[in-house]
C-alpha atoms as a PDB file:
ATOM      1  CA  MET A   1     -67.159  -7.564 111.701  1.00  0.00           C
ATOM      2  CA  ARG A   2     -65.336  -7.612 114.995  1.00  0.00           C
ATOM      3  CA  PHE A   3     -62.216  -9.070 113.213  1.00  0.00           C
ATOM      4  CA  ALA A   4     -62.301  -6.341 110.856  1.00  0.00           C
ATOM      5  CA  LEU A   5     -62.515  -3.651 113.629  1.00  0.00           C
ATOM      6  CA  ILE A   6     -59.489  -5.194 115.508  1.00  0.00           C
ATOM      7  CA  ALA A   7     -57.408  -5.201 112.303  1.00  0.00           C
ATOM      8  CA  ALA A   8     -58.447  -1.836 111.411  1.00  0.00           C
ATOM      9  CA  VAL A   9     -57.582  -0.405 115.073  1.00  0.00           C
ATOM     10  CA  SER A  10     -54.268  -2.604 114.757  1.00  0.00           C
ATOM     11  CA  ILE A  11     -53.325  -0.938 111.511  1.00  0.00           C
ATOM     12  CA  LEU A  12     -54.054   2.442 112.306  1.00  0.00           C
ATOM     13  CA  SER A  13     -52.208   2.269 115.602  1.00  0.00           C
ATOM     14  CA  THR A  14     -49.209   0.928 113.908  1.00  0.00           C
ATOM     15  CA  LEU A  15     -49.331   3.719 111.329  1.00  0.00           C
ATOM     16  CA  ALA A  16     -49.747   6.193 114.155  1.00  0.00           C
ATOM     17  CA  LEU A  17     -46.861   4.916 116.062  1.00  0.00           C
ATOM     18  CA  GLY A  18     -44.634   5.036 113.244  1.00  0.00           C
ATOM     19  CA  LEU A  19     -45.622   8.416 112.415  1.00  0.00           C
ATOM     20  CA  ALA A  20     -45.002   9.454 115.907  1.00  0.00           C
ATOM     21  CA  LEU A  21     -41.493   8.012 116.548  1.00  0.00           C
ATOM     22  CA  PRO A  22     -38.769  10.422 115.910  1.00  0.00           C
ATOM     23  CA  ASP A  23     -35.825   9.518 113.345  1.00  0.00           C
ATOM     24  CA  LEU A  24     -33.181   8.002 115.783  1.00  0.00           C
ATOM     25  CA  THR A  25     -30.720   7.654 112.947  1.00  0.00           C
ATOM     26  CA  PRO A  26     -27.333   8.949 114.196  1.00  0.00           C
ATOM     27  CA  ARG A  27     -26.271  12.036 112.509  1.00  0.00           C
ATOM     28  CA  ALA A  28     -22.590  12.778 111.464  1.00  0.00           C
ATOM     29  CA  THR A  29     -21.034  16.083 111.753  1.00  0.00           C
ATOM     30  CA  VAL A  30     -20.925  17.910 108.408  1.00  0.00           C
ATOM     31  CA  ILE A  31     -17.941  19.966 107.439  1.00  0.00           C
ATOM     32  CA  ARG A  32     -18.162  22.222 104.791  1.00  0.00           C
ATOM     33  CA  PRO A  33     -15.295  23.926 102.952  1.00  0.00           C
ATOM     34  CA  GLU A  34     -13.953  27.295 104.674  1.00  0.00           C
ATOM     35  CA  ILE A  35     -12.544  28.402 101.262  1.00  0.00           C
ATOM     36  CA  ALA A  36     -13.057  27.841  97.682  1.00  0.00           C
ATOM     37  CA  VAL A  37     -10.890  29.260  95.094  1.00  0.00           C
ATOM     38  CA  VAL A  38     -11.494  28.885  91.366  1.00  0.00           C
ATOM     39  CA  ILE A  39      -8.517  28.875  89.038  1.00  0.00           C
ATOM     40  CA  LYS A  40      -8.826  29.245  85.331  1.00  0.00           C
ATOM     41  CA  GLU A  41      -6.414  28.293  82.565  1.00  0.00           C
ATOM     42  CA  ASP A  42      -7.402  31.290  80.618  1.00  0.00           C
ATOM     43  CA  PHE A  43      -6.567  33.609  83.477  1.00  0.00           C
ATOM     44  CA  PRO A  44      -3.441  31.929  84.827  1.00  0.00           C
ATOM     45  CA  ASN A  45      -2.375  34.793  87.089  1.00  0.00           C
ATOM     46  CA  THR A  46      -5.879  35.788  88.546  1.00  0.00           C
ATOM     47  CA  PRO A  47      -7.484  34.195  91.706  1.00  0.00           C
ATOM     48  CA  PHE A  48     -11.125  33.724  92.028  1.00  0.00           C
ATOM     49  CA  PRO A  49     -12.119  33.310  95.547  1.00  0.00           C
ATOM     50  CA  THR A  50     -15.913  32.478  95.727  1.00  0.00           C
ATOM     51  CA  ASN A  51     -18.830  30.506  97.350  1.00  0.00           C
ATOM     52  CA  ILE A  52     -19.766  29.277  93.951  1.00  0.00           C
ATOM     53  CA  ALA A  53     -17.354  26.786  92.815  1.00  0.00           C
ATOM     54  CA  GLU A  54     -16.818  25.468  89.212  1.00  0.00           C
ATOM     55  CA  VAL A  55     -15.364  22.693  87.350  1.00  0.00           C
ATOM     56  CA  SER A  56     -15.324  22.994  83.437  1.00  0.00           C
ATOM     57  CA  ARG A  57     -13.790  22.405  80.334  1.00  0.00           C
ATOM     58  CA  THR A  58     -14.892  23.371  76.744  1.00  0.00           C
ATOM     59  CA  ASN A  59     -13.822  21.557  73.597  1.00  0.00           C
ATOM     60  CA  GLY A  60     -10.750  20.234  75.470  1.00  0.00           C
ATOM     61  CA  ALA A  61      -9.709  23.661  76.515  1.00  0.00           C
ATOM     62  CA  HIS A  62     -10.454  26.607  78.815  1.00  0.00           C
ATOM     63  CA  SER A  63     -10.165  24.437  81.958  1.00  0.00           C
ATOM     64  CA  VAL A  64     -11.548  25.601  85.094  1.00  0.00           C
ATOM     65  CA  LYS A  65     -10.614  23.868  88.499  1.00  0.00           C
ATOM     66  CA  THR A  66     -11.556  24.405  92.016  1.00  0.00           C
ATOM     67  CA  LEU A  67      -9.421  24.308  95.212  1.00  0.00           C
ATOM     68  CA  LEU A  68     -11.271  23.675  98.453  1.00  0.00           C
ATOM     69  CA  GLY A  69      -9.746  24.030 102.149  1.00  0.00           C
ATOM     70  CA  PHE A  70     -11.666  22.128 105.128  1.00  0.00           C
ATOM     71  CA  VAL A  71     -10.930  22.812 108.732  1.00  0.00           C
ATOM     72  CA  VAL A  72     -11.460  19.378 110.330  1.00  0.00           C
ATOM     73  CA  LEU A  73     -11.959  19.507 114.260  1.00  0.00           C
ATOM     74  CA  PRO A  74     -11.134  16.735 116.229  1.00  0.00           C
ATOM     75  CA  CYS A  75     -13.696  13.904 116.030  1.00  0.00           C
ATOM     76  CA  THR A  76     -13.824  10.139 116.193  1.00  0.00           C
ATOM     77  CA  GLY A  77     -14.711   7.390 113.919  1.00  0.00           C
ATOM     78  CA  THR A  78     -14.468   7.545 110.129  1.00  0.00           C
ATOM     79  CA  CYS A  79     -14.463  10.768 108.173  1.00  0.00           C
ATOM     80  CA  THR A  80     -16.334  10.464 104.632  1.00  0.00           C
ATOM     81  CA  ILE A  81     -15.895  12.705 101.682  1.00  0.00           C
ATOM     82  CA  SER A  82     -18.897  12.937  99.411  1.00  0.00           C
ATOM     83  CA  PHE A  83     -20.340  15.355  96.874  1.00  0.00           C
ATOM     84  CA  SER A  84     -24.041  16.416  96.106  1.00  0.00           C
ATOM     85  CA  ASP A  85     -26.243  19.191  94.805  1.00  0.00           C
ATOM     86  CA  ALA A  86     -24.548  20.825  91.922  1.00  0.00           C
ATOM     87  CA  PHE A  87     -26.296  23.467  89.762  1.00  0.00           C
ATOM     88  CA  THR A  88     -27.057  22.516  86.185  1.00  0.00           C
ATOM     89  CA  PRO A  89     -24.283  20.062  85.433  1.00  0.00           C
ATOM     90  CA  SER A  90     -23.586  19.217  81.638  1.00  0.00           C
ATOM     91  CA  GLY A  91     -21.200  17.255  79.394  1.00  0.00           C
ATOM     92  CA  SER A  92     -19.306  14.522  81.111  1.00  0.00           C
ATOM     93  CA  ARG A  93     -20.477  15.642  84.399  1.00  0.00           C
ATOM     94  CA  ARG A  94     -17.406  13.969  85.880  1.00  0.00           C
ATOM     95  CA  MET A  95     -14.687  15.446  88.266  1.00  0.00           C
ATOM     96  CA  GLN A  96     -11.543  13.987  89.595  1.00  0.00           C
ATOM     97  CA  LEU A  97     -10.710  14.575  93.231  1.00  0.00           C
ATOM     98  CA  PHE A  98      -7.032  15.127  94.533  1.00  0.00           C
ATOM     99  CA  THR A  99      -5.668  15.998  97.819  1.00  0.00           C
ATOM    100  CA  THR A 100      -3.292  19.102  97.669  1.00  0.00           C
ATOM    101  CA  GLY A 101       0.084  19.777  99.052  1.00  0.00           C
ATOM    102  CA  ARG A 102      -1.215  22.416 101.408  1.00  0.00           C
ATOM    103  CA  TYR A 103      -4.412  24.250 102.404  1.00  0.00           C
ATOM    104  CA  PRO A 104      -5.457  26.775  99.671  1.00  0.00           C
ATOM    105  CA  ALA A 105      -5.126  30.464  99.808  1.00  0.00           C
ATOM    106  CA  SER A 106      -7.583  33.021  98.510  1.00  0.00           C
ATOM    107  CA  SER A 107      -4.583  34.297  96.386  1.00  0.00           C
ATOM    108  CA  ASP A 108      -4.037  30.976  94.577  1.00  0.00           C
ATOM    109  CA  THR A 109      -4.122  31.043  90.814  1.00  0.00           C
ATOM    110  CA  TRP A 110      -3.563  28.611  88.068  1.00  0.00           C
ATOM    111  CA  ASN A 111       0.113  29.347  87.951  1.00  0.00           C
ATOM    112  CA  TRP A 112       0.415  29.418  91.811  1.00  0.00           C
ATOM    113  CA  LYS A 113      -1.346  26.901  93.718  1.00  0.00           C
ATOM    114  CA  PRO A 114      -0.547  24.154  95.896  1.00  0.00           C
ATOM    115  CA  TYR A 115       0.719  20.962  94.183  1.00  0.00           C
ATOM    116  CA  THR A 116      -1.807  18.350  93.184  1.00  0.00           C
ATOM    117  CA  ASP A 117      -0.912  15.341  95.276  1.00  0.00           C
ATOM    118  CA  ARG A 118      -3.027  12.320  95.666  1.00  0.00           C
ATOM    119  CA  TYR A 119      -5.728  10.874  93.414  1.00  0.00           C
ATOM    120  CA  LEU A 120      -8.663   9.832  95.293  1.00  0.00           C
ATOM    121  CA  GLY A 121     -11.387   9.193  92.627  1.00  0.00           C
ATOM    122  CA  THR A 122     -13.589  10.422  89.965  1.00  0.00           C
ATOM    123  CA  LEU A 123     -16.972  11.640  90.739  1.00  0.00           C
ATOM    124  CA  LEU A 124     -20.145  11.559  88.344  1.00  0.00           C
ATOM    125  CA  VAL A 125     -22.734  14.260  89.153  1.00  0.00           C
ATOM    126  CA  SER A 126     -26.408  13.335  88.501  1.00  0.00           C
ATOM    127  CA  PRO A 127     -27.983  14.682  85.453  1.00  0.00           C
ATOM    128  CA  THR A 128     -29.833  17.246  87.247  1.00  0.00           C
ATOM    129  CA  GLY A 129     -27.231  18.027  89.729  1.00  0.00           C
ATOM    130  CA  ALA A 130     -29.705  16.909  92.461  1.00  0.00           C
ATOM    131  CA  GLY A 131     -28.843  14.345  95.096  1.00  0.00           C
ATOM    132  CA  PRO A 132     -25.298  12.588  95.679  1.00  0.00           C
ATOM    133  CA  ALA A 133     -22.650  12.115  92.913  1.00  0.00           C
ATOM    134  CA  VAL A 134     -21.586   8.594  92.434  1.00  0.00           C
ATOM    135  CA  VAL A 135     -17.879   7.450  92.626  1.00  0.00           C
ATOM    136  CA  VAL A 136     -17.201   5.974  89.283  1.00  0.00           C
ATOM    137  CA  ASP A 137     -13.566   5.157  89.681  1.00  0.00           C
ATOM    138  CA  GLY A 138     -11.150   5.013  92.810  1.00  0.00           C
ATOM    139  CA  GLY A 139     -13.591   4.985  95.395  1.00  0.00           C
ATOM    140  CA  ASP A 140     -12.447   2.044  97.475  1.00  0.00           C
ATOM    141  CA  PHE A 141     -10.682   3.903 100.142  1.00  0.00           C
ATOM    142  CA  GLY A 142      -9.900   7.341  98.621  1.00  0.00           C
ATOM    143  CA  PHE A 143     -13.195   8.757 100.059  1.00  0.00           C
ATOM    144  CA  THR A 144     -12.934   7.540 103.706  1.00  0.00           C
ATOM    145  CA  PHE A 145     -10.122   8.062 106.294  1.00  0.00           C
ATOM    146  CA  GLY A 146      -9.714   8.011 110.032  1.00  0.00           C
ATOM    147  CA  CYS A 147     -11.031  11.308 111.672  1.00  0.00           C
ATOM    148  CA  PRO A 148      -8.324  13.520 113.225  1.00  0.00           C
ATOM    149  CA  ALA A 149      -7.535  13.535 116.846  1.00  0.00           C
ATOM    150  CA  ILE A 150      -6.265  17.061 116.547  1.00  0.00           C
ATOM    151  CA  SER A 151      -7.529  19.962 114.266  1.00  0.00           C
ATOM    152  CA  VAL A 152      -6.421  19.589 110.795  1.00  0.00           C
ATOM    153  CA  ASN A 153      -6.442  21.809 107.495  1.00  0.00           C
ATOM    154  CA  LEU A 154      -7.031  19.674 104.552  1.00  0.00           C
ATOM    155  CA  GLY A 155      -6.735  20.983 100.793  1.00  0.00           C
ATOM    156  CA  TYR A 156      -8.466  19.229  97.962  1.00  0.00           C
ATOM    157  CA  GLU A 157      -8.552  20.091  94.086  1.00  0.00           C
ATOM    158  CA  LEU A 158     -11.507  19.156  91.765  1.00  0.00           C
ATOM    159  CA  ASP A 159     -10.463  18.813  88.043  1.00  0.00           C
ATOM    160  CA  PRO A 160     -12.542  18.337  84.919  1.00  0.00           C
ATOM    161  CA  VAL A 161     -12.874  15.149  83.242  1.00  0.00           C
ATOM    162  CA  TRP A 162     -13.113  14.764  79.249  1.00  0.00           C
ATOM    163  CA  ASP A 163     -13.329  17.455  76.888  1.00  0.00           C
ATOM    164  CA  ASP A 164     -16.629  19.040  77.771  1.00  0.00           C
ATOM    165  CA  VAL A 165     -17.853  19.242  81.249  1.00  0.00           C
ATOM    166  CA  PHE A 166     -19.608  21.890  83.320  1.00  0.00           C
ATOM    167  CA  VAL A 167     -20.593  21.361  87.050  1.00  0.00           C
ATOM    168  CA  SER A 168     -21.019  24.225  89.656  1.00  0.00           C
ATOM    169  CA  TRP A 169     -22.080  24.561  93.333  1.00  0.00           C
ATOM    170  CA  ASP A 170     -22.691  26.766  96.428  1.00  0.00           C
ATOM    171  CA  ILE A 171     -20.236  25.636  98.895  1.00  0.00           C
ATOM    172  CA  THR A 172     -22.509  26.694 101.509  1.00  0.00           C
ATOM    173  CA  LYS A 173     -25.284  24.425 100.574  1.00  0.00           C
ATOM    174  CA  GLY A 174     -23.733  21.522  98.679  1.00  0.00           C
ATOM    175  CA  GLY A 175     -20.782  20.203  96.840  1.00  0.00           C
ATOM    176  CA  LEU A 176     -17.929  18.523  98.524  1.00  0.00           C
ATOM    177  CA  ILE A 177     -18.295  17.950 102.145  1.00  0.00           C
ATOM    178  CA  ILE A 178     -16.805  15.848 104.923  1.00  0.00           C
ATOM    179  CA  THR A 179     -18.739  13.924 107.349  1.00  0.00           C
ATOM    180  CA  CYS A 180     -17.140  13.135 110.851  1.00  0.00           C
ATOM    181  CA  GLY A 181     -18.320  10.130 112.807  1.00  0.00           C
END
């Protein structure tokens, strides 16, 4: 009886201490896009600046891409690009990530946009959209970089992969982010 009481008190105090301790995991600074411009193959001269970004393609046509612009303030360590929390993805759920030749403008269109520069990798969004996307190609070094010592404006382009794909997200709550530190 005495042993059982000591064991019970020990277990309960361990649980209570575990519940009472704050989470001391260091948190990185999350940087969200300052601008998103959806560009559509079917409307090549019309810009669609928005907070709801989209990447899609239907039956190998009607492609929709998104340009994203980030303002990254000086920080130290390694910056990481990641994607999470999309709305109702369908089809291949895959997107290719590229850097762009300049920071996007709200007037950018399919026919007038920054040039697509460097391929960083391919992301696969979860079937429900919830949680992080998985890097399925090119993720060895493309999704991390040394954080800048000065403020920089970075441009990215997300393109659809395969004939049928749909992924959308709210840039203020999810999608592509950069974490600093």
